[in-house]
Protein backbone atom coordinates (compact mmCIF):
# COMPACT_ATOMS: atom_id res chain seq x y z
CA UNK A 1 74.24 78.19 111.50
CA UNK A 2 71.76 76.28 112.70
CA UNK A 3 68.39 78.51 114.10
CA UNK A 4 68.02 77.63 117.77
CA UNK A 5 64.28 76.18 118.67
CA UNK A 6 61.55 77.90 119.58
CA UNK A 7 58.12 76.98 121.36
CA UNK A 8 55.28 78.27 122.03
CA UNK A 9 50.68 77.53 121.77
CA UNK A 10 47.91 79.74 122.44
CA UNK A 11 44.52 77.78 123.90
CA UNK A 12 41.92 76.54 122.67
CA UNK A 13 39.22 79.59 123.56
CA UNK A 14 37.15 80.33 120.63
CA UNK A 15 37.46 83.52 117.77
CA UNK A 16 40.96 85.53 117.65
CA UNK A 17 40.56 89.08 118.10
CA UNK A 18 43.07 91.79 117.88
CA UNK A 19 43.92 91.47 121.66
CA UNK A 20 45.49 88.20 120.23
CA UNK A 21 47.32 89.97 116.89
CA UNK A 22 48.67 92.80 118.86
CA UNK A 23 50.00 90.19 121.58
CA UNK A 24 51.10 87.27 120.33
CA UNK A 25 50.32 86.76 116.64
CA UNK A 26 52.36 89.60 115.16
CA UNK A 27 55.55 88.58 117.73
CA UNK A 28 55.27 84.56 115.75
CA UNK A 29 54.82 86.10 112.39
CA UNK A 30 58.71 88.22 112.90
CA UNK A 31 59.99 85.34 115.03
CA UNK A 32 59.23 82.78 112.56
CA UNK A 33 61.85 83.92 110.55
CA UNK A 34 64.59 83.82 112.44
CA UNK A 35 63.43 80.87 114.77
CA UNK A 36 63.27 76.75 113.96
CA UNK A 37 59.43 77.88 115.21
CA UNK A 38 56.45 74.87 116.79
CA UNK A 39 53.40 76.37 117.56
CA UNK A 40 50.72 74.75 119.68
CA UNK A 41 46.73 74.94 120.13
CA UNK A 42 46.87 74.18 123.38
CA UNK A 43 43.84 72.29 123.52
CA UNK A 44 44.71 70.04 127.03
CA UNK A 45 45.70 74.05 128.54
CA UNK A 46 42.12 74.74 127.90
CA UNK A 47 40.04 72.18 129.79
CA UNK A 48 42.16 73.58 133.23
CA UNK A 49 39.60 75.60 134.18
CA UNK A 50 36.11 73.93 132.76
CA UNK A 51 34.91 70.47 132.06
CA UNK A 52 33.37 70.73 128.92
CA UNK A 53 34.48 72.75 125.15
CA UNK A 54 32.11 72.79 123.09
CA UNK A 55 32.13 72.77 119.57
CA UNK A 56 36.00 71.87 120.07
CA UNK A 57 36.63 70.42 116.46
CA UNK A 58 35.63 73.87 114.93
CA UNK A 59 37.02 76.25 117.19
CA UNK A 60 40.38 75.00 117.08
CA UNK A 61 39.52 74.61 112.53
CA UNK A 62 39.11 78.55 113.61
CA UNK A 63 42.13 79.41 115.04
CA UNK A 64 44.64 78.08 113.08
CA UNK A 65 42.71 80.03 109.50
CA UNK A 66 43.20 83.12 111.67
CA UNK A 67 47.52 81.72 112.59
CA UNK A 68 47.51 81.72 108.79
CA UNK A 69 45.37 84.51 107.58
CA UNK A 70 47.87 87.05 110.20
CA UNK A 71 51.02 85.85 108.12
CA UNK A 72 51.86 82.56 109.93
CA UNK A 73 53.36 80.38 108.26
CA UNK A 74 53.50 76.92 107.67
CA UNK A 75 56.78 76.97 105.70
CA UNK A 76 58.28 78.49 108.29
CA UNK A 77 56.57 77.00 111.06
CA UNK A 78 55.77 73.31 113.13
CA UNK A 79 51.85 74.35 113.43
CA UNK A 80 49.77 71.41 115.83
CA UNK A 81 47.77 70.45 117.79
CA UNK A 82 48.74 69.23 121.71
CA UNK A 83 45.55 66.92 122.42
CA UNK A 84 47.93 65.42 119.48
CA UNK A 85 51.18 64.23 121.23
CA UNK A 86 51.05 62.00 123.35
CA UNK A 87 54.29 62.53 124.63
CA UNK A 88 53.49 65.85 125.76
CA UNK A 89 51.33 64.01 128.37
CA UNK A 90 54.00 61.42 129.52
CA UNK A 91 56.62 63.69 129.64
CA UNK A 92 54.30 66.13 131.86
CA UNK A 93 53.44 62.71 134.07
CA UNK A 94 57.21 62.12 134.77
CA UNK A 95 58.28 66.24 135.32
CA UNK A 96 54.67 66.07 137.55
CA UNK A 97 56.89 63.35 140.29
CA UNK A 98 59.89 65.88 140.64
CA UNK A 99 57.67 69.11 141.00
CA UNK A 100 57.75 69.98 144.19
CA UNK A 101 53.96 70.93 145.44
CA UNK A 102 55.17 74.15 147.25
CA UNK A 103 56.76 75.69 143.87
CA UNK A 104 53.07 74.74 142.12
CA UNK A 105 50.76 76.60 144.93
CA UNK A 106 53.47 80.13 144.84
CA UNK A 107 52.70 79.98 140.71
CA UNK A 108 50.99 83.42 140.37
CA UNK A 109 47.87 81.80 138.07
CA UNK A 110 47.68 78.94 140.89
CA UNK A 111 48.04 81.99 143.36
CA UNK A 112 44.90 84.26 141.98
CA UNK A 113 42.77 81.55 141.64
CA UNK A 114 42.18 80.58 145.55
CA UNK A 115 42.07 83.71 147.03
CA UNK A 116 39.43 81.95 149.07
CA UNK A 117 38.60 78.83 150.41
CA UNK A 118 35.68 79.15 148.23
CA UNK A 119 37.14 79.80 145.14
CA UNK A 120 40.30 76.88 146.19
CA UNK A 121 37.08 74.26 146.21
CA UNK A 122 36.49 74.77 142.70
CA UNK A 123 39.62 74.47 141.32
CA UNK A 124 41.37 70.92 139.44
CA UNK A 125 44.14 69.40 139.93
CA UNK A 126 44.26 69.90 136.04
CA UNK A 127 44.51 74.20 136.87
CA UNK A 128 47.69 73.06 139.54
CA UNK A 129 49.74 71.14 137.47
CA UNK A 130 49.16 74.21 133.72
CA UNK A 131 53.02 75.22 134.86
CA UNK A 132 54.18 71.18 134.94
CA UNK A 133 52.53 70.41 131.66
CA UNK A 134 53.18 73.73 130.14
CA UNK A 135 56.92 72.57 130.89
CA UNK A 136 56.25 69.25 129.10
CA UNK A 137 55.29 71.39 125.98
CA UNK A 138 58.41 73.32 125.93
CA UNK A 139 60.59 70.89 127.05
CA UNK A 140 59.12 68.18 124.80
CA UNK A 141 61.35 69.88 121.97
CA UNK A 142 64.47 70.81 124.02
CA UNK A 143 63.79 74.33 123.14
CA UNK A 144 66.41 77.12 123.65
CA UNK A 145 63.92 80.38 123.30
CA UNK A 146 59.93 80.96 124.80
CA UNK A 147 58.82 84.09 123.71
CA UNK A 148 56.81 86.02 127.08
CA UNK A 149 56.43 89.38 128.17
CA UNK A 150 57.49 90.40 131.43
CA UNK A 151 54.37 89.31 132.92
CA UNK A 152 55.67 85.86 132.44
CA UNK A 153 58.58 85.35 133.46
CA UNK A 154 58.02 83.87 136.42
CA UNK A 155 56.35 81.02 134.66
CA UNK A 156 58.58 80.55 132.32
CA UNK A 157 61.66 80.72 135.43
CA UNK A 158 59.05 77.52 137.35
CA UNK A 159 59.94 75.59 134.20
CA UNK A 160 63.28 76.54 133.70
CA UNK A 161 63.98 75.17 137.46
CA UNK A 162 61.40 72.26 137.29
CA UNK A 163 64.01 70.91 134.33
CA UNK A 164 66.78 71.75 136.09
CA UNK A 165 65.76 69.43 139.16
CA UNK A 166 65.05 67.02 136.66
CA UNK A 167 68.25 66.94 134.85
CA UNK A 168 70.28 67.56 138.48
CA UNK A 169 68.73 63.78 138.83
CA UNK A 170 69.21 62.37 135.50
CA UNK A 171 72.07 63.74 133.69
CA UNK A 172 71.87 67.00 131.25
CA UNK A 173 69.08 65.49 129.50
CA UNK A 174 66.02 68.41 128.68
CA UNK A 175 67.56 72.39 127.74
CA UNK A 176 66.69 75.22 130.01
CA UNK A 177 64.90 77.57 127.58
CA UNK A 178 65.66 81.57 127.29
CA UNK A 179 63.22 84.19 127.31
CA UNK A 180 62.57 86.38 124.62
CA UNK A 181 61.36 88.95 125.95
CA UNK A 182 58.14 90.53 123.89
CA UNK A 183 56.70 94.45 124.41
CA UNK A 184 53.08 93.97 124.02
CA UNK A 185 50.57 97.47 123.42
CA UNK A 186 48.10 96.97 126.17
CA UNK A 187 44.82 97.11 124.11
CA UNK A 188 41.49 97.23 126.26
CA UNK A 189 38.42 95.90 125.00
CA UNK A 190 35.83 98.26 123.27
CA UNK A 191 34.63 98.59 127.38
CA UNK A 192 37.14 99.25 128.84
CA UNK A 193 37.63 96.38 131.03
CA UNK A 194 40.16 93.67 130.13
CA UNK A 195 39.56 92.48 125.81
CA UNK A 196 38.27 88.99 126.84
CA UNK A 197 35.69 86.95 124.79
CA UNK A 198 33.68 86.23 128.29
CA UNK A 199 33.23 90.42 128.47
CA UNK A 200 32.65 89.94 123.58
CA UNK A 201 33.89 93.50 123.96
CA UNK A 202 36.95 92.51 121.87
CA UNK A 203 37.29 92.62 118.07
CA UNK A 204 37.52 90.01 116.29
CA UNK A 205 39.78 89.65 113.97
CA UNK A 206 36.93 87.92 111.05
CA UNK A 207 35.07 91.49 111.80
CA UNK A 208 32.98 92.28 108.40
CA UNK A 209 33.13 95.68 108.10
CA UNK A 210 29.84 96.51 108.96
CA UNK A 211 30.89 94.47 112.44
CA UNK A 212 33.74 96.27 112.65
CA UNK A 213 31.55 99.72 112.69
CA UNK A 214 29.01 98.28 115.31
CA UNK A 215 31.76 97.88 117.90
CA UNK A 216 33.59 100.71 117.53
CA UNK A 217 30.46 103.24 117.39
CA UNK A 218 29.52 101.25 121.06
CA UNK A 219 33.51 102.49 121.80
CA UNK A 220 33.63 104.40 125.20
CA UNK A 221 34.29 108.24 124.33
CA UNK A 222 35.28 110.85 127.25
CA UNK A 223 31.67 110.67 129.52
CA UNK A 224 32.23 114.58 130.02
CA UNK A 225 31.93 115.35 126.68
CA UNK A 226 27.98 115.65 126.13
CA UNK A 227 27.61 117.61 123.60
CA UNK A 228 29.51 118.05 120.42
CA UNK A 229 31.51 121.43 120.69
CA UNK A 230 32.57 120.09 124.68
CA UNK A 231 36.38 119.71 124.76
CA UNK A 232 37.53 116.74 126.09
CA UNK A 233 40.16 113.60 127.01
CA UNK A 234 41.63 111.48 124.26
CA UNK A 235 44.01 110.39 127.52
CA UNK A 236 40.33 108.70 128.80
CA UNK A 237 38.35 108.19 125.21
CA UNK A 238 38.37 103.75 124.29
CA UNK A 239 38.84 105.16 121.16
CA UNK A 240 41.70 107.85 121.64
CA UNK A 241 43.73 104.01 123.35
CA UNK A 242 43.33 102.19 119.65
CA UNK A 243 44.28 105.78 118.43
CA UNK A 244 47.95 104.96 119.92
CA UNK A 245 48.59 101.87 118.43
CA UNK A 246 46.22 101.94 114.96
CA UNK A 247 46.67 105.89 113.51
CA UNK A 248 50.26 106.80 115.52
CA UNK A 249 50.95 109.22 112.62
CA UNK A 250 47.98 111.30 112.99
CA UNK A 251 47.74 111.31 116.57
CA UNK A 252 48.05 114.74 117.90
CA UNK A 253 46.65 115.77 115.35
CA UNK A 254 43.09 113.66 116.87
CA UNK A 255 44.49 114.92 120.22
CA UNK A 256 44.61 118.83 119.61
CA UNK A 257 40.92 118.11 118.06
CA UNK A 258 38.95 116.66 121.23
CA UNK A 259 40.93 118.80 123.64
CA UNK A 260 39.61 121.70 121.37
CA UNK A 261 35.87 119.75 120.55
CA UNK A 262 37.32 120.56 116.86
CA UNK A 263 36.55 116.97 115.94
CA UNK A 264 34.23 114.62 117.02
CA UNK A 265 33.90 111.86 118.92
CA UNK A 266 31.44 110.70 115.39
CA UNK A 267 34.31 111.46 113.09
CA UNK A 268 36.95 110.38 115.87
CA UNK A 269 35.92 107.02 115.05
CA UNK A 270 35.44 107.53 111.72
CA UNK A 271 39.02 108.11 111.39
CA UNK A 272 39.30 104.45 113.92
CA UNK A 273 37.05 102.37 111.68
CA UNK A 274 38.83 102.92 108.38
CA UNK A 275 42.95 102.37 109.66
CA UNK A 276 41.35 98.87 110.89
CA UNK A 277 39.12 97.94 108.31
CA UNK A 278 42.57 98.62 106.44
CA UNK A 279 44.78 96.62 108.22
CA UNK A 280 41.77 93.66 108.56
CA UNK A 281 40.65 93.53 104.27
CA UNK A 282 43.80 91.70 103.47
CA UNK A 283 43.52 89.19 106.86
CA UNK A 284 39.75 88.83 105.61
CA UNK A 285 41.10 88.43 101.38
CA UNK A 286 43.54 85.70 103.09
CA UNK A 287 41.16 83.92 105.05
CA UNK A 288 38.64 83.54 102.63
CA UNK A 289 41.48 81.52 99.99
CA UNK A 290 42.45 79.11 103.13
CA UNK A 291 38.97 78.67 103.56
CA UNK A 292 38.32 77.64 99.80
CA UNK A 293 41.21 75.16 100.11
CA UNK A 294 38.99 72.22 101.06
CA UNK A 295 41.57 69.96 103.65
CA UNK A 296 44.40 72.32 103.64
CA UNK A 297 44.05 72.33 107.17
CA UNK A 298 43.81 69.49 107.71
CA UNK A 299 47.26 68.90 105.32
CA UNK A 300 48.74 71.55 107.93
CA UNK A 301 47.78 69.88 110.89
CA UNK A 302 49.10 66.54 109.78
CA UNK A 303 52.41 67.77 108.44
CA UNK A 304 52.86 69.73 111.62
CA UNK A 305 52.32 66.29 114.06
CA UNK A 306 54.84 64.41 111.74
CA UNK A 307 57.37 67.24 112.77
CA UNK A 308 56.30 67.25 115.60
CA UNK A 309 56.14 63.70 116.28
CA UNK A 310 59.97 63.10 115.23
CA UNK A 311 61.48 65.76 117.22
CA UNK A 312 59.75 64.73 120.43
CA UNK A 313 59.59 61.02 120.01
CA UNK A 314 62.81 61.10 120.21
CA UNK A 315 63.64 63.36 123.08
CA UNK A 316 61.05 61.07 125.04
CA UNK A 317 63.72 58.00 124.40
CA UNK A 318 66.17 59.56 125.18
CA UNK A 319 64.33 59.87 129.02
CA UNK A 320 63.03 56.79 128.83
CA UNK A 321 66.73 55.47 128.23
CA UNK A 322 67.88 57.72 131.02
CA UNK A 323 64.94 56.36 134.14
CA UNK A 324 65.59 53.37 133.16
CA UNK A 325 61.93 52.54 131.21
CA UNK A 326 63.62 50.47 128.47
CA UNK A 327 64.63 46.95 128.67
């Protein structure tokens, strides 16, 4: 039985961190075993809230290296750049003409961006059109599945509505994708805020052991635990939040040690460092091997984009046919 086709992308906003690994990449690595996966660098989406991205080619390259280093396999998945696929742009233009403005203005992402008139004046048309481009990214491959978290379900349902409206006019050309729900662990930044490049509070997949140790040492612990032998509350500690994900086998021991002050914050951070460093070491090794292969990333993207073009061009040809574009 043929595998169902699955499509997912990631915006090109900079080096990837543990939040990307836990929230997306581990799931992708598992999905590529059971789905026909198309994973793309969402270059155009990255421009919806900025006009210029410095060193974009290097950012794209680094992101693809990160994907490969954590187990995304170009033999199992199609890896490509959205910006190399004119079919995405063409279908986005077509779908824009059957998408009511009201649908886009009700989109949660857009509503969050335009909370007042001042914010609204700075929002680009691209930001408003984000769901249409996302729909085109999916529909141009007639994807049957899209991996999402529960908070992303409204966005996927909007894509399904756009596809239904198109199909209602021209026939069942495009596939309505189903959600593949994923459980994403909550991973906060080292300063307790959302992990973000703009805050510089993430632990990158490229961290050296020295850099990793420095980041962990900066983590905020229980502010009430002033002295070494003061008891603490692990539930308010950033380090403990990471232990829940990366040290589940020692969680009770660590929590008890914090509450009784038998385990100091420095020792607690050392345990986390050793566990995270051991996890990142094989990723570092694979990255070194990949980066040593001159021209390899270009080969991966070239092969992936040829495979993606083959599917997308066929779908676009069907659309052109039913819409009367072909003489």
